[in-house]
Amino acid sequence: VQLQAFGGGLVQAGGSLRLPCAASGRTSSVYVMGWFRRAPGKEREFVAFINWRGGTTYYADSVKGRFTISRDNAKNTLYLQMNSLRPEDTAVYSCAASLSFGSHNTLKGYDYWGQGTLVTVSS
């Protein structure tokens, strides 16, 4: 499975941004897709995941109520809608795909990773 996230950029605090992630290859085998982020000087952290078929979602506490993960199966595209952005949301955002059951709020729960896209939130 190949993944490519894009749509990052510079946004003011309180603003919104939507990140798409295009998937190709063995997408019929995907079970869960997720978003992670790495802020400057910090470890990569979980943001959200979605069951690729059923649509069940799960969020990190830090983004709950502000971010929405969704997917368009027909377009093989994952999305992350980010509202009420804060300077602490500044990070490189990456999408990931899992082909199996596992801990999908952790890095080890994923089999494939895409290149990230940088989101910068100014105060």
N, C-alpha and C. Protein backbone atom coordinates (compact mmCIF):
# COMPACT_ATOMS: atom_id res chain seq x y z
N VAL A 1 0.85 -1.19 0.00
CA VAL A 1 0.00 0.00 0.00
C VAL A 1 0.89 1.25 0.00
N GLN A 2 0.62 2.14 -0.92
CA GLN A 2 1.37 3.40 -0.97
C GLN A 2 0.46 4.52 -0.48
N LEU A 3 1.04 5.40 0.32
CA LEU A 3 0.28 6.50 0.92
C LEU A 3 0.98 7.82 0.69
N GLN A 4 0.21 8.84 0.45
CA GLN A 4 0.78 10.17 0.27
C GLN A 4 -0.16 11.19 0.90
N ALA A 5 0.32 11.86 1.94
CA ALA A 5 -0.44 12.93 2.57
C ALA A 5 -0.04 14.26 1.95
N PHE A 6 -0.99 15.16 1.85
CA PHE A 6 -0.69 16.49 1.36
C PHE A 6 -1.70 17.47 1.94
N GLY A 7 -1.58 18.75 1.56
CA GLY A 7 -2.53 19.74 2.04
C GLY A 7 -2.06 20.55 3.21
N GLY A 8 -0.81 20.31 3.68
CA GLY A 8 -0.30 21.10 4.79
C GLY A 8 -0.02 22.53 4.39
N GLY A 9 0.26 23.36 5.39
CA GLY A 9 0.55 24.75 5.11
C GLY A 9 0.57 25.56 6.38
N LEU A 10 0.55 26.87 6.21
CA LEU A 10 0.57 27.81 7.33
C LEU A 10 -0.84 28.33 7.57
N VAL A 11 -1.28 28.27 8.82
CA VAL A 11 -2.63 28.73 9.17
C VAL A 11 -2.56 29.45 10.51
N GLN A 12 -3.42 30.42 10.70
CA GLN A 12 -3.45 31.15 11.98
C GLN A 12 -4.19 30.35 13.03
N ALA A 13 -3.86 30.59 14.26
CA ALA A 13 -4.56 29.94 15.37
C ALA A 13 -6.05 30.22 15.27
N GLY A 14 -6.84 29.17 15.51
CA GLY A 14 -8.29 29.28 15.38
C GLY A 14 -8.79 28.91 14.00
N GLY A 15 -7.88 28.77 13.06
CA GLY A 15 -8.26 28.44 11.70
C GLY A 15 -8.46 26.96 11.47
N SER A 16 -8.72 26.60 10.20
CA SER A 16 -9.00 25.22 9.82
C SER A 16 -8.15 24.81 8.64
N LEU A 17 -7.96 23.51 8.53
CA LEU A 17 -7.21 22.94 7.41
C LEU A 17 -7.70 21.51 7.23
N ARG A 18 -7.73 21.04 5.99
CA ARG A 18 -8.09 19.64 5.73
C ARG A 18 -6.93 18.96 5.01
N LEU A 19 -6.54 17.83 5.56
CA LEU A 19 -5.45 17.05 4.98
C LEU A 19 -6.00 15.82 4.30
N PRO A 20 -5.78 15.64 3.00
CA PRO A 20 -6.09 14.37 2.36
C PRO A 20 -4.87 13.45 2.39
N CYS A 21 -5.15 12.16 2.31
CA CYS A 21 -4.10 11.14 2.18
C CYS A 21 -4.58 10.18 1.11
N ALA A 22 -3.87 10.14 -0.01
CA ALA A 22 -4.23 9.26 -1.11
C ALA A 22 -3.59 7.90 -0.93
N ALA A 23 -4.39 6.85 -1.05
CA ALA A 23 -3.90 5.48 -0.91
C ALA A 23 -3.98 4.77 -2.25
N SER A 24 -2.98 3.91 -2.53
CA SER A 24 -2.99 3.12 -3.76
C SER A 24 -2.36 1.77 -3.47
N GLY A 25 -2.50 0.84 -4.42
CA GLY A 25 -1.97 -0.50 -4.22
C GLY A 25 -3.02 -1.41 -3.62
N ARG A 26 -2.64 -2.20 -2.58
CA ARG A 26 -3.51 -3.20 -1.97
C ARG A 26 -4.54 -2.58 -1.02
N THR A 27 -5.26 -1.59 -1.47
CA THR A 27 -6.20 -0.91 -0.59
C THR A 27 -7.36 -1.80 -0.17
N SER A 28 -7.66 -2.84 -0.94
CA SER A 28 -8.75 -3.76 -0.57
C SER A 28 -8.40 -4.54 0.69
N SER A 29 -7.13 -4.57 1.06
CA SER A 29 -6.69 -5.31 2.25
C SER A 29 -6.61 -4.42 3.49
N VAL A 30 -6.85 -3.13 3.33
CA VAL A 30 -6.72 -2.21 4.46
C VAL A 30 -7.83 -2.43 5.48
N TYR A 31 -7.45 -2.48 6.76
CA TYR A 31 -8.42 -2.65 7.84
C TYR A 31 -8.67 -1.32 8.57
N VAL A 32 -7.62 -0.62 8.88
CA VAL A 32 -7.69 0.65 9.60
C VAL A 32 -6.70 1.63 8.97
N MET A 33 -7.07 2.91 8.94
CA MET A 33 -6.12 3.94 8.56
C MET A 33 -6.08 5.00 9.65
N GLY A 34 -4.90 5.56 9.85
CA GLY A 34 -4.74 6.50 10.93
C GLY A 34 -3.90 7.70 10.56
N TRP A 35 -3.94 8.68 11.43
CA TRP A 35 -3.10 9.88 11.32
C TRP A 35 -2.22 9.98 12.56
N PHE A 36 -0.98 10.32 12.34
CA PHE A 36 -0.03 10.58 13.41
C PHE A 36 0.63 11.92 13.12
N ARG A 37 1.29 12.47 14.15
CA ARG A 37 2.01 13.73 13.93
C ARG A 37 3.28 13.75 14.78
N ARG A 38 4.26 14.52 14.27
CA ARG A 38 5.51 14.70 15.01
C ARG A 38 5.79 16.18 15.08
N ALA A 39 5.71 16.71 16.29
CA ALA A 39 6.03 18.12 16.52
C ALA A 39 7.54 18.29 16.62
N PRO A 40 8.04 19.47 16.39
CA PRO A 40 9.50 19.71 16.46
C PRO A 40 10.06 19.30 17.82
N GLY A 41 11.07 18.44 17.79
CA GLY A 41 11.73 18.02 19.03
C GLY A 41 10.95 17.00 19.84
N LYS A 42 9.88 16.46 19.30
CA LYS A 42 9.08 15.51 20.05
C LYS A 42 8.93 14.20 19.30
N GLU A 43 8.44 13.19 20.04
CA GLU A 43 8.19 11.89 19.43
C GLU A 43 6.93 11.95 18.58
N ARG A 44 6.84 11.04 17.61
CA ARG A 44 5.62 10.92 16.83
C ARG A 44 4.50 10.48 17.74
N GLU A 45 3.30 11.08 17.57
CA GLU A 45 2.18 10.72 18.43
C GLU A 45 0.92 10.44 17.62
N PHE A 46 0.06 9.63 18.19
CA PHE A 46 -1.20 9.25 17.58
C PHE A 46 -2.15 10.44 17.56
N VAL A 47 -2.92 10.57 16.47
CA VAL A 47 -3.94 11.62 16.34
C VAL A 47 -5.33 11.01 16.26
N ALA A 48 -5.55 10.11 15.29
CA ALA A 48 -6.88 9.52 15.09
C ALA A 48 -6.77 8.32 14.17
N PHE A 49 -7.74 7.39 14.27
CA PHE A 49 -7.83 6.32 13.28
C PHE A 49 -9.29 6.05 12.94
N ILE A 50 -9.48 5.39 11.81
CA ILE A 50 -10.81 5.05 11.32
C ILE A 50 -10.79 3.64 10.75
N ASN A 51 -11.83 2.88 11.05
CA ASN A 51 -12.01 1.56 10.43
C ASN A 51 -12.38 1.79 8.97
N TRP A 52 -11.58 1.22 8.08
CA TRP A 52 -11.72 1.56 6.66
C TRP A 52 -13.06 1.12 6.08
N ARG A 53 -13.64 0.06 6.60
CA ARG A 53 -14.94 -0.43 6.11
C ARG A 53 -16.08 0.14 6.90
N GLY A 54 -16.07 -0.03 8.23
CA GLY A 54 -17.20 0.34 9.05
C GLY A 54 -17.29 1.80 9.44
N GLY A 55 -16.14 2.49 9.39
CA GLY A 55 -16.16 3.91 9.69
C GLY A 55 -16.03 4.27 11.15
N THR A 56 -15.87 3.29 12.04
CA THR A 56 -15.67 3.62 13.45
C THR A 56 -14.41 4.44 13.62
N THR A 57 -14.50 5.46 14.48
CA THR A 57 -13.36 6.36 14.67
C THR A 57 -12.90 6.40 16.12
N TYR A 58 -11.66 6.84 16.30
CA TYR A 58 -11.08 6.98 17.64
C TYR A 58 -10.08 8.12 17.59
N TYR A 59 -10.07 8.95 18.66
CA TYR A 59 -9.24 10.16 18.65
C TYR A 59 -8.37 10.26 19.89
N ALA A 60 -7.24 10.91 19.74
CA ALA A 60 -6.44 11.28 20.89
C ALA A 60 -7.19 12.38 21.65
N ASP A 61 -7.04 12.40 22.96
CA ASP A 61 -7.73 13.41 23.77
C ASP A 61 -7.39 14.83 23.35
N SER A 62 -6.17 15.02 22.89
CA SER A 62 -5.70 16.37 22.56
C SER A 62 -6.40 16.97 21.35
N VAL A 63 -7.04 16.13 20.52
CA VAL A 63 -7.69 16.64 19.31
C VAL A 63 -9.19 16.38 19.30
N LYS A 64 -9.68 15.64 20.28
CA LYS A 64 -11.10 15.27 20.31
C LYS A 64 -11.96 16.53 20.33
N GLY A 65 -12.98 16.55 19.48
CA GLY A 65 -13.87 17.70 19.40
C GLY A 65 -13.41 18.79 18.44
N ARG A 66 -12.14 18.70 18.01
CA ARG A 66 -11.60 19.70 17.07
C ARG A 66 -11.25 19.08 15.71
N PHE A 67 -10.79 17.84 15.71
CA PHE A 67 -10.39 17.16 14.47
C PHE A 67 -11.42 16.09 14.13
N THR A 68 -11.60 15.85 12.84
CA THR A 68 -12.48 14.79 12.37
C THR A 68 -11.77 13.98 11.30
N ILE A 69 -11.71 12.67 11.51
CA ILE A 69 -11.13 11.77 10.52
C ILE A 69 -12.27 11.16 9.71
N SER A 70 -12.07 11.04 8.40
CA SER A 70 -13.09 10.45 7.54
C SER A 70 -12.41 9.79 6.35
N ARG A 71 -13.20 9.04 5.58
CA ARG A 71 -12.62 8.41 4.40
C ARG A 71 -13.63 8.38 3.28
N ASP A 72 -13.11 8.29 2.06
CA ASP A 72 -13.91 8.12 0.85
C ASP A 72 -13.38 6.86 0.19
N ASN A 73 -14.07 5.75 0.41
CA ASN A 73 -13.58 4.47 -0.09
C ASN A 73 -13.50 4.45 -1.62
N ALA A 74 -14.45 5.11 -2.27
CA ALA A 74 -14.47 5.11 -3.73
C ALA A 74 -13.23 5.80 -4.29
N LYS A 75 -12.73 6.80 -3.58
CA LYS A 75 -11.54 7.54 -4.04
C LYS A 75 -10.27 7.04 -3.35
N ASN A 76 -10.40 6.05 -2.46
CA ASN A 76 -9.25 5.56 -1.69
C ASN A 76 -8.50 6.71 -1.03
N THR A 77 -9.25 7.58 -0.41
CA THR A 77 -8.67 8.76 0.22
C THR A 77 -9.12 8.89 1.66
N LEU A 78 -8.16 9.16 2.51
CA LEU A 78 -8.39 9.42 3.93
C LEU A 78 -8.29 10.93 4.14
N TYR A 79 -9.07 11.45 5.09
CA TYR A 79 -9.05 12.88 5.35
C TYR A 79 -8.87 13.15 6.85
N LEU A 80 -8.30 14.32 7.14
CA LEU A 80 -8.27 14.81 8.51
C LEU A 80 -8.69 16.28 8.46
N GLN A 81 -9.90 16.54 8.94
CA GLN A 81 -10.38 17.91 9.03
C GLN A 81 -9.96 18.47 10.39
N MET A 82 -9.21 19.56 10.37
CA MET A 82 -8.68 20.14 11.60
C MET A 82 -9.27 21.53 11.79
N ASN A 83 -10.02 21.70 12.87
CA ASN A 83 -10.64 22.99 13.20
C ASN A 83 -10.07 23.51 14.51
N SER A 84 -10.30 24.79 14.76
CA SER A 84 -9.83 25.42 16.00
C SER A 84 -8.37 25.10 16.26
N LEU A 85 -7.56 25.26 15.25
CA LEU A 85 -6.15 24.91 15.36
C LEU A 85 -5.42 25.79 16.37
N ARG A 86 -4.45 25.16 17.03
CA ARG A 86 -3.64 25.82 18.06
C ARG A 86 -2.17 25.74 17.67
N PRO A 87 -1.36 26.64 18.17
CA PRO A 87 0.08 26.57 17.86
C PRO A 87 0.68 25.21 18.21
N GLU A 88 0.19 24.57 19.26
CA GLU A 88 0.73 23.26 19.65
C GLU A 88 0.33 22.14 18.69
N ASP A 89 -0.52 22.44 17.71
CA ASP A 89 -0.84 21.46 16.67
C ASP A 89 0.21 21.47 15.55
N THR A 90 1.14 22.40 15.61
CA THR A 90 2.20 22.47 14.61
C THR A 90 3.01 21.17 14.61
N ALA A 91 3.08 20.53 13.44
CA ALA A 91 3.75 19.23 13.34
C ALA A 91 3.77 18.77 11.89
N VAL A 92 4.53 17.72 11.65
CA VAL A 92 4.44 16.99 10.38
C VAL A 92 3.40 15.89 10.58
N TYR A 93 2.38 15.91 9.75
CA TYR A 93 1.28 14.94 9.86
C TYR A 93 1.47 13.84 8.82
N SER A 94 1.37 12.59 9.27
CA SER A 94 1.55 11.44 8.39
C SER A 94 0.34 10.52 8.50
N CYS A 95 0.02 9.86 7.38
CA CYS A 95 -1.04 8.86 7.40
C CYS A 95 -0.41 7.47 7.37
N ALA A 96 -1.16 6.50 7.88
CA ALA A 96 -0.66 5.13 7.97
C ALA A 96 -1.80 4.16 7.74
N ALA A 97 -1.45 2.95 7.28
CA ALA A 97 -2.44 1.93 7.01
C ALA A 97 -2.09 0.64 7.74
N SER A 98 -3.12 -0.02 8.25
CA SER A 98 -2.95 -1.30 8.92
C SER A 98 -3.79 -2.35 8.20
N LEU A 99 -3.21 -3.56 8.05
CA LEU A 99 -3.93 -4.64 7.38
C LEU A 99 -4.52 -5.63 8.37
N SER A 100 -4.40 -5.34 9.67
CA SER A 100 -4.82 -6.35 10.65
C SER A 100 -5.29 -5.71 11.95
N PHE A 101 -5.79 -6.59 12.85
CA PHE A 101 -6.15 -6.15 14.19
C PHE A 101 -4.89 -5.72 14.92
N GLY A 102 -5.04 -4.83 15.90
CA GLY A 102 -3.89 -4.42 16.67
C GLY A 102 -4.18 -3.17 17.46
N SER A 103 -3.11 -2.61 18.01
CA SER A 103 -3.23 -1.38 18.80
C SER A 103 -3.12 -0.19 17.86
N HIS A 104 -4.21 0.25 17.33
CA HIS A 104 -4.18 1.25 16.27
C HIS A 104 -3.99 2.66 16.77
N ASN A 105 -3.83 2.83 18.07
CA ASN A 105 -3.45 4.13 18.59
C ASN A 105 -1.95 4.17 18.91
N THR A 106 -1.23 3.18 18.40
CA THR A 106 0.24 3.16 18.57
C THR A 106 0.90 2.95 17.21
N LEU A 107 2.16 3.36 17.13
CA LEU A 107 2.90 3.26 15.87
C LEU A 107 3.01 1.82 15.39
N LYS A 108 3.20 0.89 16.33
CA LYS A 108 3.42 -0.51 15.94
C LYS A 108 2.17 -1.16 15.36
N GLY A 109 1.03 -0.50 15.44
CA GLY A 109 -0.19 -1.07 14.91
C GLY A 109 -0.36 -0.91 13.40
N TYR A 110 0.66 -0.32 12.73
CA TYR A 110 0.53 0.00 11.32
C TYR A 110 1.61 -0.66 10.48
N ASP A 111 1.23 -0.99 9.25
CA ASP A 111 2.13 -1.69 8.34
C ASP A 111 2.76 -0.78 7.30
N TYR A 112 2.05 0.27 6.93
CA TYR A 112 2.53 1.16 5.87
C TYR A 112 2.40 2.61 6.32
N TRP A 113 3.36 3.40 5.89
CA TRP A 113 3.41 4.81 6.25
C TRP A 113 3.64 5.66 5.01
N GLY A 114 3.03 6.83 5.02
CA GLY A 114 3.26 7.77 3.94
C GLY A 114 4.19 8.88 4.36
N GLN A 115 4.67 9.63 3.39
CA GLN A 115 5.46 10.83 3.67
C GLN A 115 4.54 11.85 4.34
N GLY A 116 5.06 12.62 5.23
CA GLY A 116 4.24 13.57 5.95
C GLY A 116 4.08 14.89 5.24
N THR A 117 3.19 15.70 5.79
CA THR A 117 2.97 17.05 5.29
C THR A 117 2.99 18.00 6.50
N LEU A 118 3.68 19.12 6.34
CA LEU A 118 3.90 20.02 7.46
C LEU A 118 2.73 20.98 7.64
N VAL A 119 2.25 21.05 8.89
CA VAL A 119 1.22 22.01 9.27
C VAL A 119 1.85 22.96 10.29
N THR A 120 1.78 24.24 10.02
CA THR A 120 2.31 25.24 10.94
C THR A 120 1.18 26.18 11.35
N VAL A 121 0.96 26.28 12.66
CA VAL A 121 -0.10 27.13 13.20
C VAL A 121 0.55 28.31 13.90
N SER A 122 0.28 29.50 13.41
CA SER A 122 0.87 30.71 14.00
C SER A 122 -0.06 31.30 15.05
N SER A 123 0.56 31.90 16.06
CA SER A 123 -0.26 32.48 17.15
C SER A 123 -0.61 33.93 16.87
